[in-house]
Each structure stands twice: as structure tokens, then as C-alpha cells.
Amino acid sequence: MVNRHVRWWVLLLGLAARAQVKTDMGVYPLPALPTFGAAGSKVVDPTFGTTILRLTDGAQGNTQCTVTYSNIAAFNADSTWVVTRCAPNSVAVLFQIDPVTFTSLQRRTLSSAPSGLYQYWSIWSGINPNVLYVPSASAVYAYDVAAQTFSVSTQASSVLGSGETFDWQMSRSADDKIFANKFLINGSDGGYLAWRIESTGAKTVLLKVTITGTNEVQIDKSGRFLSVVMDTNGPDNSIWDLSTTPPTELKTTHGFRHYDSGHGTLFTSYEPRSLGFRSLLAPNTLVKMLPDDAWSYLNQQDHFSMQADNELWALASRYRIGTSTASYPGCVNNICPFDDELTQVATDGSQRVRRLAHHRSLMPPGGYLEAPMANMSKNGALIAFTSNWGNVSGRLDAYLLQVPPAPWPADTVAPSFPLNLVVQ
């Protein structure tokens, strides 16, 4: 039998040869809309040459299916399962995929689910491809996809007090050891906390803040930093360094709302009209990722993802929020570079880009779920995103994009000469 990893790399070589990823900053207007068939069908993006798979459709018994969010892992650790949230009732629906043949194999809902699950905020384990974490008010559960069984990962009572319960907005570190969530007090906005799962299974609360108006919290991949976005945004955002006792709060004068974290880093927008990358140890020092005005916010908004292991590149998904009167340099007939695209941007400030696909999702007035909210698999070869596929009032579905993975940083350090060798 051919080794699976060999098949995988043969596939990637084929992708690299077929899809000519564009690396310029020119304008690429939307060409004619490719026609999709039922779930499981594929099209090739006519501009970028990448392949798109339709994952969901109405025949599966739902009214719409979307990805959860750009900084919530849609793919499991080995890119063989994808989680979506589907209406009615915002339930989690899992799709098994073959990443080599780029096909969908089976569909599964969460069987024998405990009552009260916040299924719409299900998040994959960072290390175990068979584990999906699902929060509820009383506990965070671990769902075993292979066995189709639930077990308790963290009881709310082990980290919270009387009358306090988990909210739905949960995150975890890349090694599944540090978790964070908002919490409620007697059903009302209470604050946020972070806790560590010890090797013994015991839970240690690292930080607990009682405050109203928390929008969301996120643990970075390393588990060292907690990012907090308040409803007021701006300077009220905080970064907590959890490695100190007590944790150290690092206030930021460069606010952020849409963002994602790497290992001790954060990717978001940057004034004026660009993208920024920062160390969470120095959250007010930003690396400008693109030239001023190259990433126009005149008629576009975006979401960010750093779910891939290769953090030299970050993924941004742009979506239109109305008609444009664009006048920035580089725009042509009110269309600007990167409009309506899924794009990777280098995080080192070199201003390199990898333009991957048009997502084809149109935003109606007051829309939200129509945003593509794209996020990437750990190996950097697959992207999950939401789209209404060119119909502003059409149904929303989850789509997968297959791309050649971005290059890893070059190893520029020569190996050390071996010392103290002993002949035996």
C-alpha cells in the first residue's frame, strides 16, 4: 500500500504545478460566476486556478451551513474532518473528507449529545484528530469522533463559583492545555477566565476577571497570552501575559476586533488602511504587512486566520459591504486589489502576498453570516469558507478551497559540528 504521506506530497506537487498562485498586487475583477452542482461538486477558480469543493447543500436537510469563524479551527488536526454550523438550530455538522482526492466522504451530526450544548462553537483539538471540544453552560465536553461518545473535559464548577456558568465563546491553546471562555453570573454577563488542565486532570485557574462588556477572548497558540476584545473596542482591549504570577495586563493603544493569534503573535488590521502583525509581548509595536492604501477599507471588511502551522503567512478574507467609490491608488473602476478574495499575506513585513481565490459571497445590508470567515487547515493546504455563491439573497453553504501550501521559512543556520564523539 502506498504510504499516505507520500500520496499527500505527490498531490501537493501536482497542485503547485496546476494552480499558479498570483503574487502581484494588481486588480482582478470578478469573472463570470462558475456554476456549481450539488454538494461534492467542484469548480476551478477561473482567475487563480485553485479548486473549490462545495461541502454542503439543501439536500442534506438544513436551510444553511457556514463555517464557525475565521479564528476557530474548522479542520481537525490531520485535515480529515471539517466542522460546520447548520440551521435550523445552529447544530454542529461534521464532514469527513479525503484530503488527497479532495472529496467529501460522509456527513455526521453529534450523536447522543448532552442537552444544552453550544454546538455552534465547536472547536477541534489542536493535537488529537478525533477530538472536538464543545462547550455548554455547565461543562466543556470532548466529543470522540471515532467512538461517537462524549466525555467531560472541564466542569464549570471546577473553575467557576456558585451561580456562574460558561458562556459559548471558548478558545484553547495549540496543545489543548490552556482554555479560555467568557462566563455568566446568574445568566448575565459576568466576565472572562483562563484555566490550565494539569497532567493529573486537575484544573488551575490562571486568570479570572469579573467585568461586563466583554466581546470575545482568545488564547494564543502557545497558551501564554490571552487577548480580550471589549464591546467598546479600541484602547479597552487587553493582552494578558499568563506566565507571570499574577498575570500581567498589557494595555494596547492599537485596538483590534477581527484578529487571530499565532504563537505569541497577533494578526489584524493596521492604520492607515493596511494590515498589521505584532508580538503580544509588545502589543503596541506593529509590523506593517502591506503598503498604505494597498488594503483599502473604503468598501471592504475582512476576517483573519492564523490556524495554519506555518505562521510566516496569515490568511485574510475580504468581503464587500456596499457600493464603492474607490479612489485609492491601484484601484480600477472602483475595484481595488484583493477585493472579494481569499489572500495570504507574509507576516514578516516583506509585503509578499499569495492570492488564492474569489470567495463569491455577497453581503446584503445588515448581513453577517454571509462573510466568508475563511480559516486554514494546520498543514496549509485547505481553506474552509462561507459563501452564497453570487446570490445576495441565496442560501449559505460551506466550501473548501485546495491550495498549494505556502513556503516555510528557509533554514539559514548551518548545523553545528559534532563534538565529543566517542568511538565504540
Protein backbone atom coordinates (compact mmCIF):
# COMPACT_ATOMS: atom_id res chain seq x y z
CA MET A 1 0.00 0.00 0.00
CA VAL A 2 1.28 3.47 -0.87
CA ASN A 3 2.22 5.49 2.20
CA ARG A 4 -0.42 8.15 2.86
CA HIS A 5 2.17 10.88 3.42
CA VAL A 6 3.83 10.05 0.09
CA ARG A 7 0.44 10.36 -1.65
CA TRP A 8 -0.12 13.66 0.12
CA TRP A 9 3.17 15.18 -1.09
CA VAL A 10 2.60 13.90 -4.62
CA LEU A 11 -0.75 15.70 -4.53
CA LEU A 12 0.87 18.93 -3.32
CA LEU A 13 3.42 18.80 -6.13
CA GLY A 14 0.56 18.42 -8.60
CA LEU A 15 -1.28 21.36 -7.04
CA ALA A 16 1.80 23.55 -7.28
CA ALA A 17 2.11 22.73 -10.96
CA ARG A 18 -1.58 23.38 -11.77
CA ALA A 19 -2.50 26.38 -9.60
CA GLN A 20 -0.37 29.40 -10.43
CA VAL A 21 -0.78 31.41 -7.23
CA LYS A 22 -0.68 35.10 -8.07
CA THR A 23 1.79 37.17 -6.06
CA ASP A 24 1.28 40.64 -7.55
CA MET A 25 -0.90 43.50 -6.24
CA GLY A 26 -2.94 44.09 -9.37
CA VAL A 27 -6.73 44.30 -9.72
CA TYR A 28 -8.64 41.13 -10.60
CA PRO A 29 -12.35 41.89 -11.20
CA LEU A 30 -14.79 39.04 -10.74
CA PRO A 31 -15.11 36.98 -13.94
CA ALA A 32 -18.28 35.09 -14.90
CA LEU A 33 -19.63 33.05 -11.99
CA PRO A 34 -18.75 29.34 -12.28
CA THR A 35 -21.79 27.08 -11.93
CA PHE A 36 -21.82 24.64 -9.03
CA GLY A 37 -23.73 21.38 -8.84
CA ALA A 38 -24.78 19.55 -5.68
CA ALA A 39 -22.61 19.10 -2.59
CA GLY A 40 -19.46 17.24 -3.55
CA SER A 41 -19.08 19.00 -6.89
CA LYS A 42 -16.01 21.07 -7.73
CA VAL A 43 -15.06 24.05 -9.86
CA VAL A 44 -11.73 25.60 -10.74
CA ASP A 45 -11.40 29.28 -9.89
CA PRO A 46 -11.08 30.93 -13.32
CA THR A 47 -8.73 33.65 -12.05
CA PHE A 48 -6.42 31.79 -9.69
CA GLY A 49 -6.58 28.17 -10.90
CA THR A 50 -7.32 26.72 -7.46
CA THR A 51 -10.03 24.10 -6.91
CA ILE A 52 -13.18 24.72 -4.83
CA LEU A 53 -15.35 21.94 -3.40
CA ARG A 54 -18.96 22.53 -2.37
CA LEU A 55 -19.32 20.84 1.01
CA THR A 56 -22.99 21.44 1.85
CA ASP A 57 -26.37 21.89 0.15
CA GLY A 58 -30.07 21.86 0.94
CA ALA A 59 -30.49 18.17 0.16
CA GLN A 60 -28.71 17.40 3.46
CA GLY A 61 -31.72 18.58 5.49
CA ASN A 62 -30.58 22.07 6.52
CA THR A 63 -31.51 25.58 5.48
CA GLN A 64 -27.92 26.85 5.53
CA CYS A 65 -24.45 25.81 6.67
CA THR A 66 -21.48 28.05 7.44
CA VAL A 67 -18.03 27.91 8.97
CA THR A 68 -17.99 28.99 12.61
CA TYR A 69 -15.46 31.82 12.49
CA SER A 70 -12.11 32.70 10.96
CA ASN A 71 -10.11 32.04 14.15
CA ILE A 72 -11.98 28.86 15.15
CA ALA A 73 -10.45 25.73 13.61
CA ALA A 74 -12.80 24.25 11.01
CA PHE A 75 -10.36 21.40 10.27
CA ASN A 76 -9.21 18.71 12.66
CA ALA A 77 -5.51 18.09 13.28
CA ASP A 78 -4.92 15.91 10.20
CA SER A 79 -7.37 17.59 7.81
CA THR A 80 -9.73 14.61 7.59
CA TRP A 81 -12.80 16.21 9.24
CA VAL A 82 -14.46 19.61 8.89
CA VAL A 83 -16.99 21.09 11.33
CA THR A 84 -19.77 23.40 10.12
CA ARG A 85 -22.70 25.01 11.87
CA CYS A 86 -26.05 24.47 10.21
CA ALA A 87 -29.54 25.87 10.50
CA PRO A 88 -32.07 25.30 11.83
CA ASN A 89 -30.87 25.37 15.46
CA SER A 90 -27.16 26.12 14.75
CA VAL A 91 -26.13 22.49 15.19
CA ALA A 92 -22.64 21.17 14.51
CA VAL A 93 -22.45 19.02 11.38
CA LEU A 94 -19.21 17.14 10.66
CA PHE A 95 -17.95 16.14 7.23
CA GLN A 96 -15.26 13.54 6.75
CA ILE A 97 -13.01 14.40 3.81
CA ASP A 98 -10.19 12.76 1.92
CA PRO A 99 -7.52 15.49 1.65
CA VAL A 100 -5.66 13.56 -1.05
CA THR A 101 -8.55 13.12 -3.50
CA PHE A 102 -10.26 16.29 -2.20
CA THR A 103 -13.63 14.61 -1.77
CA SER A 104 -16.29 14.53 0.94
CA LEU A 105 -16.84 11.03 2.32
CA GLN A 106 -19.57 11.18 4.94
CA ARG A 107 -21.72 13.55 6.97
CA ARG A 108 -22.30 13.21 10.71
CA THR A 109 -24.15 15.05 13.46
CA LEU A 110 -23.26 14.86 17.17
CA SER A 111 -24.99 11.70 18.30
CA SER A 112 -26.26 11.32 21.87
CA ALA A 113 -25.30 14.92 22.59
CA PRO A 114 -25.77 16.19 26.17
CA SER A 115 -28.50 18.80 26.45
CA GLY A 116 -27.60 22.48 26.33
CA LEU A 117 -24.52 22.22 24.11
CA TYR A 118 -23.37 25.37 22.37
CA GLN A 119 -22.85 23.31 19.22
CA TYR A 120 -22.29 26.39 17.07
CA TRP A 121 -18.98 26.99 18.89
CA SER A 122 -17.46 23.54 18.45
CA ILE A 123 -13.68 23.64 18.09
CA TRP A 124 -11.26 20.87 17.13
CA SER A 125 -8.45 19.68 19.34
CA GLY A 126 -5.06 21.03 18.29
CA ILE A 127 -3.38 17.65 18.67
CA ASN A 128 -5.94 14.81 18.57
CA PRO A 129 -7.71 14.48 15.19
CA ASN A 130 -10.54 12.51 16.82
CA VAL A 131 -11.48 15.12 19.45
CA LEU A 132 -13.91 18.00 19.07
CA TYR A 133 -14.42 20.33 22.05
CA VAL A 134 -17.99 21.54 22.58
CA PRO A 135 -18.91 23.96 25.40
CA SER A 136 -22.11 24.17 27.40
CA ALA A 137 -23.14 26.24 30.40
CA SER A 138 -22.10 23.50 32.82
CA ALA A 139 -19.08 21.91 31.13
CA VAL A 140 -16.70 21.75 28.21
CA TYR A 141 -17.12 18.35 26.57
CA ALA A 142 -14.73 16.35 24.40
CA TYR A 143 -16.51 14.51 21.58
CA ASP A 144 -14.69 11.45 20.22
CA VAL A 145 -15.49 11.36 16.50
CA ALA A 146 -14.37 7.76 16.07
CA ALA A 147 -16.30 6.37 19.05
CA GLN A 148 -19.10 8.97 18.73
CA THR A 149 -19.11 9.49 22.51
CA PHE A 150 -18.88 12.49 24.85
CA SER A 151 -16.72 12.91 27.95
CA VAL A 152 -16.29 15.90 30.25
CA SER A 153 -13.11 17.90 29.70
CA THR A 154 -13.81 20.66 32.27
CA GLN A 155 -16.72 21.03 34.65
CA ALA A 156 -17.75 24.66 35.09
CA SER A 157 -17.90 24.06 38.85
CA SER A 158 -14.18 23.21 38.86
CA VAL A 159 -13.19 26.71 37.70
CA LEU A 160 -16.22 28.90 38.48
CA GLY A 161 -18.18 29.82 41.60
CA SER A 162 -21.79 29.47 42.66
CA GLY A 163 -24.25 30.89 40.13
CA GLU A 164 -21.53 31.15 37.46
CA THR A 165 -21.69 29.28 34.14
CA PHE A 166 -19.73 29.12 30.91
CA ASP A 167 -20.71 31.32 28.01
CA TRP A 168 -20.32 29.98 24.47
CA GLN A 169 -17.19 31.88 23.34
CA MET A 170 -14.35 29.39 24.02
CA SER A 171 -10.76 29.01 22.80
CA ARG A 172 -7.82 26.70 23.51
CA SER A 173 -4.05 26.61 23.09
CA ALA A 174 -2.44 24.52 20.36
CA ASP A 175 -1.58 21.76 22.86
CA ASP A 176 -5.08 21.66 24.44
CA LYS A 177 -3.67 22.52 27.87
CA ILE A 178 -4.93 26.11 28.28
CA PHE A 179 -8.58 27.11 27.76
CA ALA A 180 -10.40 30.43 27.99
CA ASN A 181 -14.04 31.46 27.93
CA LYS A 182 -16.43 34.17 28.94
CA PHE A 183 -18.71 33.39 31.88
CA LEU A 184 -22.13 34.38 33.13
CA ILE A 185 -23.30 35.23 36.64
CA ASN A 186 -26.90 34.14 37.18
CA GLY A 187 -27.39 34.22 33.44
CA SER A 188 -25.99 37.71 32.87
CA ASP A 189 -22.66 38.97 31.52
CA GLY A 190 -20.02 38.13 34.14
CA GLY A 191 -16.51 38.33 32.72
CA TYR A 192 -13.83 36.01 31.40
CA LEU A 193 -11.35 33.44 32.64
CA ALA A 194 -8.47 31.19 31.59
CA TRP A 195 -7.53 27.84 33.09
CA ARG A 196 -4.93 25.12 32.68
CA ILE A 197 -5.61 21.40 32.56
CA GLU A 198 -2.85 19.71 34.58
CA SER A 199 -1.36 16.32 33.73
CA THR A 200 -3.37 14.88 36.63
CA GLY A 201 -6.60 16.22 35.13
CA ALA A 202 -6.91 18.90 37.82
CA LYS A 203 -7.89 22.41 36.70
CA THR A 204 -5.91 25.52 37.68
CA VAL A 205 -7.49 28.93 37.16
CA LEU A 206 -4.83 31.25 35.71
CA LEU A 207 -6.95 34.39 35.40
CA LYS A 208 -10.49 35.38 36.26
CA VAL A 209 -11.80 38.89 35.61
CA THR A 210 -15.29 39.99 36.59
CA ILE A 211 -16.33 42.69 34.13
CA THR A 212 -19.24 43.50 31.83
CA GLY A 213 -18.98 44.26 28.14
CA THR A 214 -16.54 41.53 27.06
CA ASN A 215 -16.95 40.82 23.34
CA GLU A 216 -14.60 37.85 23.00
CA VAL A 217 -11.41 36.30 24.35
CA GLN A 218 -8.76 34.17 22.70
CA ILE A 219 -5.82 32.15 24.00
CA ASP A 220 -2.84 32.32 21.65
CA LYS A 221 -1.40 29.04 20.33
CA SER A 222 1.35 28.98 22.95
CA GLY A 223 -1.13 29.31 25.81
CA ARG A 224 0.87 32.17 27.30
CA PHE A 225 -1.27 35.13 26.18
CA LEU A 226 -4.96 35.93 26.44
CA SER A 227 -6.38 38.57 24.09
CA VAL A 228 -9.53 40.36 25.25
CA VAL A 229 -11.80 42.41 22.98
CA MET A 230 -14.34 44.61 24.73
CA ASP A 231 -17.58 45.84 23.17
CA THR A 232 -16.14 49.35 23.19
CA ASN A 233 -13.08 48.15 21.17
CA GLY A 234 -10.03 50.45 20.91
CA PRO A 235 -7.85 51.10 23.97
CA ASP A 236 -10.10 49.00 26.22
CA ASN A 237 -8.69 45.86 24.61
CA SER A 238 -6.15 43.98 26.71
CA ILE A 239 -3.42 41.39 26.38
CA TRP A 240 -2.76 39.26 29.46
CA ASP A 241 0.58 37.51 29.95
CA LEU A 242 -0.42 34.38 31.87
CA SER A 243 3.18 33.28 32.52
CA THR A 244 3.56 35.68 35.46
CA THR A 245 2.00 35.40 38.93
CA PRO A 246 -0.31 37.21 38.99
CA PRO A 247 -0.83 37.60 35.22
CA THR A 248 0.37 40.88 33.72
CA GLU A 249 -2.08 43.06 31.80
CA LEU A 250 -0.63 44.77 28.72
CA LYS A 251 -2.97 47.53 27.55
CA THR A 252 -3.00 48.27 23.84
CA THR A 253 -3.45 51.63 22.16
CA HIS A 254 -3.83 49.87 18.80
CA GLY A 255 -7.27 48.30 19.15
CA PHE A 256 -8.35 45.21 17.28
CA ARG A 257 -11.61 43.40 16.68
CA HIS A 258 -11.23 40.94 13.82
CA TYR A 259 -7.98 39.08 14.50
CA ASP A 260 -6.27 35.75 15.07
CA SER A 261 -3.27 34.68 17.15
CA GLY A 262 -0.20 32.63 16.42
CA HIS A 263 2.46 31.62 18.93
CA GLY A 264 2.81 34.87 20.86
CA THR A 265 1.67 36.97 17.90
CA LEU A 266 -1.47 38.62 16.58
CA PHE A 267 -2.63 39.42 13.03
CA THR A 268 -5.18 42.19 12.43
CA SER A 269 -5.76 45.48 10.60
CA TYR A 270 -3.32 48.38 10.84
CA GLU A 271 -3.87 52.10 10.46
CA PRO A 272 -3.94 53.60 7.88
CA ARG A 273 -5.67 51.08 5.60
CA SER A 274 -3.21 48.22 5.81
CA LEU A 275 -2.61 45.00 7.76
CA GLY A 276 -0.53 44.59 10.91
CA PHE A 277 1.33 41.88 12.78
CA ARG A 278 2.50 42.26 16.37
CA SER A 279 4.24 40.44 19.18
CA LEU A 280 1.91 40.02 22.13
CA LEU A 281 4.80 40.92 24.43
CA ALA A 282 4.86 44.35 22.76
CA PRO A 283 1.26 44.77 21.54
CA ASN A 284 1.68 48.44 20.61
CA THR A 285 4.50 47.81 18.13
CA LEU A 286 3.10 46.68 14.78
CA VAL A 287 4.79 45.39 11.64
CA LYS A 288 3.11 46.85 8.56
CA MET A 289 2.38 43.92 6.25
CA LEU A 290 1.33 45.87 3.14
CA PRO A 291 1.91 49.41 1.83
CA ASP A 292 -0.52 52.14 2.89
CA ASP A 293 -3.79 52.00 0.91
CA ALA A 294 -2.97 48.63 -0.63
CA TRP A 295 -5.66 47.07 1.58
CA SER A 296 -8.48 49.57 1.26
CA TYR A 297 -11.24 49.72 3.88
CA LEU A 298 -13.37 52.09 1.81
CA ASN A 299 -15.89 49.42 0.83
CA GLN A 300 -14.46 46.17 2.21
CA GLN A 301 -14.14 44.44 5.55
CA ASP A 302 -12.26 41.30 6.47
CA HIS A 303 -11.57 38.45 8.86
CA PHE A 304 -8.21 36.93 9.77
CA SER A 305 -6.89 33.42 10.33
CA MET A 306 -3.60 32.02 11.62
CA GLN A 307 -4.76 28.43 12.06
CA ALA A 308 -2.02 27.03 9.80
CA ASP A 309 1.19 25.76 11.40
CA ASN A 310 3.24 27.90 9.01
CA GLU A 311 2.97 31.31 10.68
CA LEU A 312 5.16 33.08 8.16
CA TRP A 313 1.87 33.52 6.27
CA ALA A 314 -1.56 34.61 7.52
CA LEU A 315 -4.92 34.31 5.76
CA ALA A 316 -7.34 37.21 5.24
CA SER A 317 -10.81 37.02 3.68
CA ARG A 318 -12.21 40.26 2.22
CA TYR A 319 -15.90 40.96 1.73
CA ARG A 320 -17.79 43.86 0.19
CA ILE A 321 -20.12 45.96 2.36
CA GLY A 322 -21.91 48.07 -0.26
CA THR A 323 -21.20 50.02 -3.42
CA SER A 324 -17.82 51.63 -3.83
CA THR A 325 -16.48 54.99 -4.93
CA ALA A 326 -12.92 53.78 -4.59
CA SER A 327 -10.23 56.34 -5.37
CA TYR A 328 -7.15 54.83 -3.75
CA PRO A 329 -4.03 54.31 -5.89
CA GLY A 330 -4.16 50.95 -7.60
CA CYS A 331 -7.96 50.74 -7.83
CA VAL A 332 -9.54 50.36 -11.27
CA ASN A 333 -13.22 51.17 -11.94
CA ASN A 334 -13.98 51.10 -8.21
CA ILE A 335 -12.36 47.68 -7.80
CA CYS A 336 -9.29 47.53 -5.57
CA PRO A 337 -6.58 44.90 -5.18
CA PHE A 338 -7.70 41.95 -3.03
CA ASP A 339 -11.43 42.82 -3.18
CA ASP A 340 -13.64 39.74 -2.67
CA GLU A 341 -10.59 37.48 -2.32
CA LEU A 342 -9.01 34.92 -0.03
CA THR A 343 -5.40 36.04 0.32
CA GLN A 344 -2.34 35.03 2.30
CA VAL A 345 -0.01 37.81 3.41
CA ALA A 346 3.54 37.37 4.71
CA THR A 347 3.84 38.25 8.40
CA ASP A 348 7.49 39.33 8.24
CA GLY A 349 6.83 42.76 6.70
CA SER A 350 8.22 41.78 3.29
CA GLN A 351 4.87 42.75 1.69
CA ARG A 352 4.53 39.44 -0.16
CA VAL A 353 1.09 38.06 -0.99
CA ARG A 354 -0.44 34.80 -2.24
CA ARG A 355 -3.82 35.43 -3.87
CA LEU A 356 -5.81 32.22 -3.77
CA ALA A 357 -9.47 32.56 -4.86
CA HIS A 358 -12.57 34.71 -5.19
CA HIS A 359 -14.99 33.56 -2.49
CA ARG A 360 -18.09 34.81 -4.38
CA SER A 361 -20.06 35.70 -1.25
CA LEU A 362 -22.15 38.87 -1.45
CA MET A 363 -23.05 40.81 1.69
CA PRO A 364 -26.66 42.09 1.97
CA PRO A 365 -27.46 45.21 4.03
CA GLY A 366 -27.09 44.28 7.67
CA GLY A 367 -25.58 40.92 6.78
CA TYR A 368 -23.15 38.99 8.95
CA LEU A 369 -23.16 35.24 8.31
CA GLU A 370 -22.52 35.95 4.62
CA ALA A 371 -18.94 36.98 5.47
CA PRO A 372 -16.59 34.21 4.25
CA MET A 373 -14.79 33.99 7.63
CA ALA A 374 -12.21 31.73 5.99
CA ASN A 375 -9.81 29.66 8.04
CA MET A 376 -6.99 27.33 7.05
CA SER A 377 -6.02 23.76 7.88
CA LYS A 378 -2.93 23.13 10.01
CA ASN A 379 -0.96 21.89 7.00
CA GLY A 380 -1.85 24.97 4.97
CA ALA A 381 -3.36 23.04 2.05
CA LEU A 382 -7.09 23.55 2.65
CA ILE A 383 -9.31 26.54 3.42
CA ALA A 384 -12.92 26.43 4.65
CA PHE A 385 -15.16 29.41 3.93
CA THR A 386 -18.81 30.51 3.73
CA SER A 387 -20.43 31.76 0.53
CA ASN A 388 -23.83 32.45 -1.01
CA TRP A 389 -22.11 31.94 -4.35
CA GLY A 390 -23.03 35.14 -6.10
CA ASN A 391 -26.65 35.33 -4.92
CA VAL A 392 -27.03 38.06 -2.31
CA SER A 393 -30.28 36.52 -1.06
CA GLY A 394 -29.30 32.90 -1.71
CA ARG A 395 -28.61 30.09 0.73
CA LEU A 396 -25.31 29.97 2.56
CA ASP A 397 -23.08 26.94 2.23
CA ALA A 398 -19.66 25.83 3.38
CA TYR A 399 -16.99 25.45 0.70
CA LEU A 400 -13.45 24.10 0.75
CA LEU A 401 -10.54 25.51 -1.24
CA GLN A 402 -7.49 23.42 -2.13
CA VAL A 403 -4.25 25.40 -2.42
CA PRO A 404 -0.51 24.80 -2.73
CA PRO A 405 0.85 25.33 0.81
CA ALA A 406 2.87 28.48 1.37
CA PRO A 407 6.65 28.09 1.56
CA TRP A 408 8.13 27.61 5.01
CA PRO A 409 10.89 29.91 6.27
CA ALA A 410 14.29 28.95 4.90
CA ASP A 411 16.68 27.30 7.34
CA THR A 412 19.66 29.68 7.29
CA VAL A 413 21.53 28.23 10.29
CA ALA A 414 24.21 25.68 9.42
CA PRO A 415 24.25 22.51 11.55
CA SER A 416 26.76 22.51 14.41
CA PHE A 417 29.88 20.40 14.09
CA PRO A 418 29.53 17.34 16.34
CA LEU A 419 31.71 17.47 19.47
CA ASN A 420 32.98 14.88 21.95
CA LEU A 421 32.45 11.92 19.63
CA VAL A 422 33.48 8.59 21.11
CA VAL A 423 34.50 5.55 19.04
CA GLN A 424 32.93 2.36 20.43
